């Protein structure tokens, strides 16, 4: 894993009207690195590991090389966030991601914005036009 990172505060996140996008930073996910992927994130007083996985249960979704606009029938992305510090490691969130639907787990909130994955990025790195943008925010001071 790489060193902890935080997204720059100037990274914009577009959100549904009921959600204040100014409180979210963009997760440092790199879709060109492929899926599954995991990275460390320092946010507030916490250090987290964020894992993003894509599951395709309907292999016909992979035929033709069409990018997957997740979620779609037979294909979805899951985020698993584990708090490493402070305290013992604990999973604070493990959920399917849906663009525009905010998620809360423990002291964190996630806001998926764009989840487009080219089938060639499943299990492999490469620049194929995949795009994953997910906002992250603290729900309270940690």
N, C-alpha and C. Protein backbone atom coordinates (compact mmCIF):
# COMPACT_ATOMS: atom_id res chain seq x y z
N UNK A 1 0.83 -1.18 0.00
CA UNK A 1 0.00 0.00 0.00
C UNK A 1 0.87 1.24 0.00
N UNK A 2 0.31 2.33 -0.48
CA UNK A 2 1.03 3.58 -0.54
C UNK A 2 0.84 4.36 0.75
N UNK A 3 1.56 5.47 0.86
CA UNK A 3 1.45 6.33 2.03
C UNK A 3 0.06 6.95 2.09
N UNK A 4 -0.39 7.35 3.29
CA UNK A 4 -1.70 7.99 3.40
C UNK A 4 -1.77 9.24 2.54
N UNK A 5 -2.92 9.47 1.94
CA UNK A 5 -3.12 10.66 1.13
C UNK A 5 -4.47 11.26 1.44
N UNK A 6 -4.60 12.52 1.15
CA UNK A 6 -5.89 13.17 1.20
C UNK A 6 -6.08 13.91 -0.10
N UNK A 7 -7.30 14.02 -0.54
CA UNK A 7 -7.59 14.74 -1.77
C UNK A 7 -7.49 16.23 -1.49
N UNK A 8 -7.08 17.02 -2.50
CA UNK A 8 -7.00 18.47 -2.28
C UNK A 8 -8.38 19.05 -2.03
N UNK A 9 -8.43 20.04 -1.16
CA UNK A 9 -9.71 20.64 -0.80
C UNK A 9 -10.40 21.30 -1.99
N UNK A 10 -9.65 21.61 -3.04
CA UNK A 10 -10.25 22.28 -4.19
C UNK A 10 -10.91 21.32 -5.16
N UNK A 11 -10.80 20.01 -4.92
CA UNK A 11 -11.41 19.04 -5.82
C UNK A 11 -12.92 19.08 -5.66
N UNK A 12 -13.65 19.45 -6.74
CA UNK A 12 -15.10 19.59 -6.61
C UNK A 12 -15.81 18.24 -6.63
N UNK A 13 -16.88 18.15 -5.89
CA UNK A 13 -17.75 16.99 -5.89
C UNK A 13 -19.16 17.48 -6.18
N UNK A 14 -19.80 16.94 -7.19
CA UNK A 14 -21.18 17.29 -7.50
C UNK A 14 -22.09 16.37 -6.71
N UNK A 15 -23.11 16.93 -6.10
CA UNK A 15 -23.96 16.13 -5.21
C UNK A 15 -25.43 16.42 -5.46
N UNK A 16 -26.30 15.49 -5.02
CA UNK A 16 -27.74 15.76 -5.08
C UNK A 16 -28.05 17.02 -4.27
N UNK A 17 -29.16 17.67 -4.57
CA UNK A 17 -29.48 18.95 -3.95
C UNK A 17 -29.60 18.86 -2.42
N UNK A 18 -29.94 17.71 -1.87
CA UNK A 18 -30.10 17.57 -0.42
C UNK A 18 -28.76 17.39 0.29
N UNK A 19 -27.67 17.25 -0.46
CA UNK A 19 -26.35 17.00 0.12
C UNK A 19 -25.46 18.20 -0.16
N UNK A 20 -24.72 18.65 0.86
CA UNK A 20 -23.80 19.77 0.70
C UNK A 20 -22.48 19.25 0.13
N UNK A 21 -22.21 19.47 -1.18
CA UNK A 21 -21.00 18.92 -1.78
C UNK A 21 -19.72 19.57 -1.29
N UNK A 22 -19.82 20.75 -0.68
CA UNK A 22 -18.61 21.44 -0.24
C UNK A 22 -17.92 20.73 0.92
N UNK A 23 -18.61 19.83 1.60
CA UNK A 23 -17.98 19.13 2.72
C UNK A 23 -17.25 17.86 2.30
N UNK A 24 -17.32 17.50 1.01
CA UNK A 24 -16.70 16.27 0.52
C UNK A 24 -15.39 16.55 -0.20
N UNK A 25 -14.42 15.67 0.03
CA UNK A 25 -13.19 15.62 -0.74
C UNK A 25 -13.27 14.42 -1.67
N UNK A 26 -12.54 14.44 -2.74
CA UNK A 26 -12.56 13.33 -3.68
C UNK A 26 -11.59 12.24 -3.21
N UNK A 27 -12.08 10.99 -3.14
CA UNK A 27 -11.18 9.87 -2.81
C UNK A 27 -10.09 9.78 -3.87
N UNK A 28 -8.88 9.40 -3.48
CA UNK A 28 -7.79 9.30 -4.45
C UNK A 28 -7.80 7.99 -5.23
N UNK A 29 -8.97 7.55 -5.66
CA UNK A 29 -9.07 6.33 -6.48
C UNK A 29 -8.51 6.64 -7.86
N UNK A 30 -7.81 5.67 -8.44
CA UNK A 30 -7.25 5.82 -9.79
C UNK A 30 -7.79 4.66 -10.63
N UNK A 31 -8.83 4.92 -11.40
CA UNK A 31 -9.48 3.87 -12.18
C UNK A 31 -8.53 3.20 -13.15
N UNK A 32 -7.50 3.91 -13.60
CA UNK A 32 -6.52 3.31 -14.52
C UNK A 32 -5.68 2.22 -13.85
N UNK A 33 -5.70 2.16 -12.51
CA UNK A 33 -4.97 1.12 -11.79
C UNK A 33 -5.75 -0.19 -11.75
N UNK A 34 -7.00 -0.16 -12.19
CA UNK A 34 -7.80 -1.36 -12.25
C UNK A 34 -8.49 -1.67 -10.93
N UNK A 35 -9.30 -2.73 -10.97
CA UNK A 35 -10.08 -3.15 -9.81
C UNK A 35 -9.96 -4.65 -9.63
N UNK A 36 -9.80 -5.13 -8.41
CA UNK A 36 -9.92 -4.38 -7.17
C UNK A 36 -8.71 -3.48 -6.94
N UNK A 37 -8.92 -2.47 -6.10
CA UNK A 37 -7.82 -1.61 -5.67
C UNK A 37 -8.07 -1.16 -4.25
N UNK A 38 -6.98 -0.84 -3.58
CA UNK A 38 -7.06 -0.35 -2.20
C UNK A 38 -6.01 0.73 -2.02
N UNK A 39 -6.32 1.66 -1.14
CA UNK A 39 -5.38 2.74 -0.84
C UNK A 39 -5.65 3.21 0.58
N UNK A 40 -4.67 3.92 1.13
CA UNK A 40 -4.81 4.46 2.47
C UNK A 40 -5.25 5.91 2.38
N UNK A 41 -6.00 6.33 3.38
CA UNK A 41 -6.55 7.68 3.41
C UNK A 41 -6.44 8.23 4.82
N UNK A 42 -5.83 9.40 4.96
CA UNK A 42 -5.80 10.11 6.24
C UNK A 42 -6.88 11.17 6.18
N UNK A 43 -7.80 11.12 7.14
CA UNK A 43 -8.89 12.09 7.18
C UNK A 43 -9.17 12.41 8.64
N UNK A 44 -9.06 13.67 9.00
CA UNK A 44 -9.20 14.05 10.40
C UNK A 44 -8.13 13.36 11.22
N UNK A 45 -8.51 12.78 12.34
CA UNK A 45 -7.57 12.07 13.19
C UNK A 45 -7.45 10.60 12.81
N UNK A 46 -8.20 10.17 11.78
CA UNK A 46 -8.23 8.76 11.42
C UNK A 46 -7.36 8.42 10.23
N UNK A 47 -6.92 7.18 10.21
CA UNK A 47 -6.21 6.60 9.08
C UNK A 47 -7.03 5.40 8.63
N UNK A 48 -7.37 5.37 7.34
CA UNK A 48 -8.29 4.39 6.81
C UNK A 48 -7.67 3.65 5.63
N UNK A 49 -8.13 2.43 5.41
CA UNK A 49 -7.87 1.72 4.17
C UNK A 49 -9.19 1.65 3.43
N UNK A 50 -9.18 2.08 2.18
CA UNK A 50 -10.37 2.06 1.35
C UNK A 50 -10.14 1.03 0.25
N UNK A 51 -11.04 0.08 0.12
CA UNK A 51 -10.95 -0.94 -0.93
C UNK A 51 -12.17 -0.81 -1.83
N UNK A 52 -11.93 -0.79 -3.13
CA UNK A 52 -13.01 -0.73 -4.12
C UNK A 52 -12.94 -2.00 -4.96
N UNK A 53 -14.04 -2.72 -5.00
CA UNK A 53 -14.10 -3.95 -5.78
C UNK A 53 -15.29 -3.89 -6.73
N UNK A 54 -15.14 -4.53 -7.87
CA UNK A 54 -16.21 -4.62 -8.85
C UNK A 54 -16.58 -6.09 -8.99
N UNK A 55 -17.86 -6.37 -8.90
CA UNK A 55 -18.36 -7.72 -9.08
C UNK A 55 -19.25 -7.74 -10.31
N UNK A 56 -18.98 -8.71 -11.19
CA UNK A 56 -19.81 -8.91 -12.38
C UNK A 56 -20.32 -10.35 -12.31
N UNK A 57 -21.61 -10.51 -12.04
CA UNK A 57 -22.19 -11.85 -11.92
C UNK A 57 -22.80 -12.32 -13.24
N UNK A 58 -23.00 -11.39 -14.16
CA UNK A 58 -23.54 -11.71 -15.48
C UNK A 58 -22.44 -11.43 -16.51
N UNK A 59 -21.73 -12.48 -16.92
CA UNK A 59 -20.57 -12.30 -17.81
C UNK A 59 -20.94 -11.73 -19.17
N UNK A 60 -22.22 -11.79 -19.54
CA UNK A 60 -22.65 -11.17 -20.80
C UNK A 60 -22.42 -9.66 -20.76
N UNK A 61 -22.35 -9.09 -19.55
CA UNK A 61 -22.07 -7.66 -19.41
C UNK A 61 -20.69 -7.30 -19.95
N UNK A 62 -19.80 -8.29 -20.00
CA UNK A 62 -18.42 -8.04 -20.45
C UNK A 62 -18.27 -8.18 -21.96
N UNK A 63 -19.24 -8.76 -22.62
CA UNK A 63 -19.17 -8.97 -24.07
C UNK A 63 -19.20 -7.62 -24.79
N UNK A 64 -18.39 -7.49 -25.79
CA UNK A 64 -18.37 -6.27 -26.60
C UNK A 64 -17.52 -5.16 -26.05
N UNK A 65 -17.03 -5.30 -24.83
CA UNK A 65 -16.13 -4.30 -24.27
C UNK A 65 -16.79 -2.99 -23.88
N UNK A 66 -18.12 -2.95 -23.80
CA UNK A 66 -18.83 -1.74 -23.42
C UNK A 66 -18.51 -1.37 -21.98
N UNK A 67 -18.21 -0.08 -21.70
CA UNK A 67 -17.96 0.32 -20.31
C UNK A 67 -19.19 0.04 -19.44
N UNK A 68 -18.93 -0.36 -18.22
CA UNK A 68 -19.99 -0.63 -17.26
C UNK A 68 -20.32 0.65 -16.50
N UNK A 69 -21.55 1.10 -16.58
CA UNK A 69 -22.03 2.24 -15.80
C UNK A 69 -22.66 1.66 -14.54
N UNK A 70 -21.87 1.58 -13.48
CA UNK A 70 -22.28 0.86 -12.27
C UNK A 70 -23.18 1.70 -11.39
N UNK A 71 -24.13 1.07 -10.69
CA UNK A 71 -24.48 -0.33 -10.82
C UNK A 71 -25.40 -0.53 -12.02
N UNK A 72 -25.38 -1.74 -12.53
CA UNK A 72 -26.32 -2.16 -13.56
C UNK A 72 -26.65 -3.62 -13.27
N UNK A 73 -27.71 -4.14 -13.85
CA UNK A 73 -28.07 -5.52 -13.54
C UNK A 73 -26.90 -6.47 -13.77
N UNK A 74 -26.56 -7.19 -12.74
CA UNK A 74 -25.47 -8.16 -12.83
C UNK A 74 -24.08 -7.59 -12.64
N UNK A 75 -23.95 -6.31 -12.27
CA UNK A 75 -22.62 -5.71 -12.06
C UNK A 75 -22.74 -4.56 -11.06
N UNK A 76 -21.79 -4.50 -10.10
CA UNK A 76 -21.82 -3.44 -9.10
C UNK A 76 -20.45 -3.24 -8.49
N UNK A 77 -20.26 -2.11 -7.80
CA UNK A 77 -19.03 -1.80 -7.09
C UNK A 77 -19.33 -1.73 -5.60
N UNK A 78 -18.40 -2.24 -4.79
CA UNK A 78 -18.52 -2.21 -3.34
C UNK A 78 -17.33 -1.45 -2.77
N UNK A 79 -17.59 -0.58 -1.81
CA UNK A 79 -16.53 0.10 -1.06
C UNK A 79 -16.49 -0.50 0.34
N UNK A 80 -15.28 -0.83 0.77
CA UNK A 80 -15.05 -1.28 2.13
C UNK A 80 -14.05 -0.33 2.76
N UNK A 81 -14.44 0.31 3.85
CA UNK A 81 -13.57 1.27 4.53
C UNK A 81 -13.26 0.71 5.91
N UNK A 82 -11.97 0.56 6.19
CA UNK A 82 -11.50 0.05 7.48
C UNK A 82 -10.73 1.15 8.19
N UNK A 83 -11.14 1.48 9.42
CA UNK A 83 -10.39 2.44 10.22
C UNK A 83 -9.22 1.71 10.85
N UNK A 84 -7.99 2.19 10.57
CA UNK A 84 -6.79 1.59 11.14
C UNK A 84 -6.42 2.24 12.47
N UNK A 85 -6.56 3.56 12.54
CA UNK A 85 -6.26 4.31 13.77
C UNK A 85 -7.27 5.44 13.88
N UNK A 86 -7.62 5.94 15.01
CA UNK A 86 -7.16 5.49 16.33
C UNK A 86 -7.89 4.21 16.74
N UNK A 87 -7.30 3.50 17.67
CA UNK A 87 -7.90 2.27 18.18
C UNK A 87 -7.64 1.08 17.30
N UNK A 88 -8.29 -0.04 17.60
CA UNK A 88 -8.10 -1.26 16.81
C UNK A 88 -8.76 -1.12 15.43
N UNK A 89 -8.24 -1.86 14.47
CA UNK A 89 -8.80 -1.83 13.11
C UNK A 89 -10.24 -2.34 13.14
N UNK A 90 -11.13 -1.59 12.46
CA UNK A 90 -12.53 -1.97 12.41
C UNK A 90 -13.12 -1.50 11.08
N UNK A 91 -13.96 -2.33 10.48
CA UNK A 91 -14.66 -1.94 9.25
C UNK A 91 -15.77 -0.98 9.64
N UNK A 92 -15.73 0.23 9.09
CA UNK A 92 -16.75 1.23 9.40
C UNK A 92 -17.81 1.31 8.30
N UNK A 93 -17.51 0.78 7.13
CA UNK A 93 -18.48 0.83 6.04
C UNK A 93 -18.15 -0.23 5.00
N UNK A 94 -19.16 -0.96 4.58
CA UNK A 94 -19.04 -1.90 3.45
C UNK A 94 -20.39 -1.88 2.75
N UNK A 95 -20.44 -1.22 1.60
CA UNK A 95 -21.71 -1.05 0.92
C UNK A 95 -21.53 -1.02 -0.59
N UNK A 96 -22.60 -1.38 -1.31
CA UNK A 96 -22.65 -1.17 -2.76
C UNK A 96 -22.76 0.33 -3.00
N UNK A 97 -22.11 0.79 -4.06
CA UNK A 97 -22.13 2.21 -4.39
C UNK A 97 -23.13 2.48 -5.51
N UNK A 98 -23.88 3.57 -5.35
CA UNK A 98 -24.83 4.03 -6.35
C UNK A 98 -24.61 5.53 -6.51
N UNK A 99 -24.30 6.00 -7.71
CA UNK A 99 -24.08 7.45 -7.89
C UNK A 99 -25.26 8.27 -7.37
N UNK A 100 -24.92 9.32 -6.62
CA UNK A 100 -25.92 10.23 -6.09
C UNK A 100 -26.55 9.79 -4.79
N UNK A 101 -26.22 8.59 -4.30
CA UNK A 101 -26.80 8.10 -3.05
C UNK A 101 -25.73 8.15 -1.96
N UNK A 102 -25.85 9.10 -1.01
CA UNK A 102 -24.87 9.19 0.06
C UNK A 102 -24.94 7.99 1.00
N UNK A 103 -23.78 7.59 1.51
CA UNK A 103 -23.68 6.48 2.46
C UNK A 103 -23.00 6.97 3.72
N UNK A 104 -23.40 6.44 4.86
CA UNK A 104 -22.75 6.78 6.12
C UNK A 104 -22.37 5.52 6.85
N UNK A 105 -21.18 5.54 7.43
CA UNK A 105 -20.69 4.42 8.22
C UNK A 105 -19.71 4.94 9.24
N UNK A 106 -20.01 4.72 10.52
CA UNK A 106 -19.12 5.24 11.55
C UNK A 106 -19.02 6.75 11.41
N UNK A 107 -17.80 7.23 11.42
CA UNK A 107 -17.56 8.67 11.37
C UNK A 107 -17.41 9.21 9.96
N UNK A 108 -17.62 8.36 8.93
CA UNK A 108 -17.42 8.78 7.54
C UNK A 108 -18.72 8.79 6.74
N UNK A 109 -18.71 9.63 5.72
CA UNK A 109 -19.78 9.66 4.73
C UNK A 109 -19.13 9.55 3.35
N UNK A 110 -19.72 8.75 2.48
CA UNK A 110 -19.26 8.63 1.10
C UNK A 110 -20.38 9.12 0.18
N UNK A 111 -19.96 9.73 -0.92
CA UNK A 111 -20.92 10.18 -1.93
C UNK A 111 -20.40 9.76 -3.30
N UNK A 112 -20.89 8.62 -3.83
CA UNK A 112 -20.49 8.20 -5.18
C UNK A 112 -21.02 9.21 -6.20
N UNK A 113 -20.18 9.57 -7.16
CA UNK A 113 -20.56 10.53 -8.19
C UNK A 113 -20.56 9.87 -9.56
N UNK A 114 -19.46 9.25 -9.94
CA UNK A 114 -19.32 8.58 -11.23
C UNK A 114 -18.68 7.22 -10.99
N UNK A 115 -19.28 6.15 -11.56
CA UNK A 115 -18.74 4.80 -11.44
C UNK A 115 -18.81 4.14 -12.82
N UNK A 116 -17.84 4.43 -13.65
CA UNK A 116 -17.77 3.86 -14.99
C UNK A 116 -16.48 3.06 -15.10
N UNK A 117 -16.62 1.76 -15.38
CA UNK A 117 -15.45 0.88 -15.42
C UNK A 117 -15.44 0.12 -16.74
N UNK A 118 -14.33 0.25 -17.46
CA UNK A 118 -14.13 -0.53 -18.68
C UNK A 118 -13.79 -1.97 -18.26
N UNK A 119 -14.36 -2.97 -18.92
CA UNK A 119 -14.06 -4.36 -18.56
C UNK A 119 -12.57 -4.70 -18.56
N UNK A 120 -11.78 -4.00 -19.37
CA UNK A 120 -10.33 -4.26 -19.39
C UNK A 120 -9.65 -3.83 -18.10
N UNK A 121 -10.32 -3.00 -17.26
CA UNK A 121 -9.76 -2.60 -15.97
C UNK A 121 -10.16 -3.54 -14.84
N UNK A 122 -10.83 -4.64 -15.16
CA UNK A 122 -11.15 -5.63 -14.14
C UNK A 122 -9.95 -6.56 -14.02
N UNK A 123 -9.23 -6.39 -12.93
CA UNK A 123 -8.06 -7.22 -12.69
C UNK A 123 -6.82 -6.77 -13.44
N UNK A 124 -6.85 -5.58 -14.07
CA UNK A 124 -5.69 -5.12 -14.85
C UNK A 124 -5.66 -3.60 -14.90
N UNK A 125 -4.46 -3.06 -14.96
CA UNK A 125 -4.27 -1.62 -15.10
C UNK A 125 -4.24 -1.25 -16.57
N UNK A 126 -4.55 0.01 -16.83
CA UNK A 126 -4.50 0.54 -18.19
C UNK A 126 -5.43 1.72 -18.34
N UNK A 127 -5.14 2.56 -19.32
CA UNK A 127 -5.97 3.75 -19.59
C UNK A 127 -7.01 3.40 -20.64
N UNK A 128 -8.20 3.03 -20.17
CA UNK A 128 -9.28 2.61 -21.06
C UNK A 128 -10.51 3.49 -20.93
N UNK A 129 -10.40 4.59 -20.21
CA UNK A 129 -11.53 5.49 -20.05
C UNK A 129 -12.38 5.23 -18.81
N UNK A 130 -11.95 4.34 -17.94
CA UNK A 130 -12.69 4.13 -16.70
C UNK A 130 -12.62 5.41 -15.85
N UNK A 131 -13.69 5.68 -15.13
CA UNK A 131 -13.73 6.86 -14.26
C UNK A 131 -14.50 6.52 -13.00
N UNK A 132 -13.85 6.71 -11.87
CA UNK A 132 -14.49 6.48 -10.57
C UNK A 132 -14.24 7.72 -9.72
N UNK A 133 -15.32 8.38 -9.37
CA UNK A 133 -15.24 9.57 -8.50
C UNK A 133 -16.20 9.37 -7.34
N UNK A 134 -15.62 9.37 -6.14
CA UNK A 134 -16.41 9.18 -4.92
C UNK A 134 -15.93 10.21 -3.90
N UNK A 135 -16.87 10.97 -3.35
CA UNK A 135 -16.54 11.94 -2.32
C UNK A 135 -16.50 11.28 -0.95
N UNK A 136 -15.70 11.86 -0.05
CA UNK A 136 -15.60 11.37 1.33
C UNK A 136 -15.59 12.58 2.26
N UNK A 137 -16.26 12.42 3.41
CA UNK A 137 -16.31 13.49 4.40
C UNK A 137 -16.39 12.88 5.78
N UNK A 138 -15.96 13.66 6.77
CA UNK A 138 -16.15 13.26 8.17
C UNK A 138 -17.56 13.64 8.58
N UNK A 139 -18.22 12.73 9.28
CA UNK A 139 -19.57 13.02 9.79
C UNK A 139 -19.50 13.83 11.06
N UNK A 140 -18.42 13.69 11.82
CA UNK A 140 -18.18 14.45 13.03
C UNK A 140 -16.69 14.48 13.28
N UNK A 141 -16.26 15.31 14.20
CA UNK A 141 -14.83 15.39 14.51
C UNK A 141 -14.39 14.06 15.12
N UNK A 142 -13.27 13.53 14.59
CA UNK A 142 -12.79 12.25 15.11
C UNK A 142 -11.59 12.42 15.98
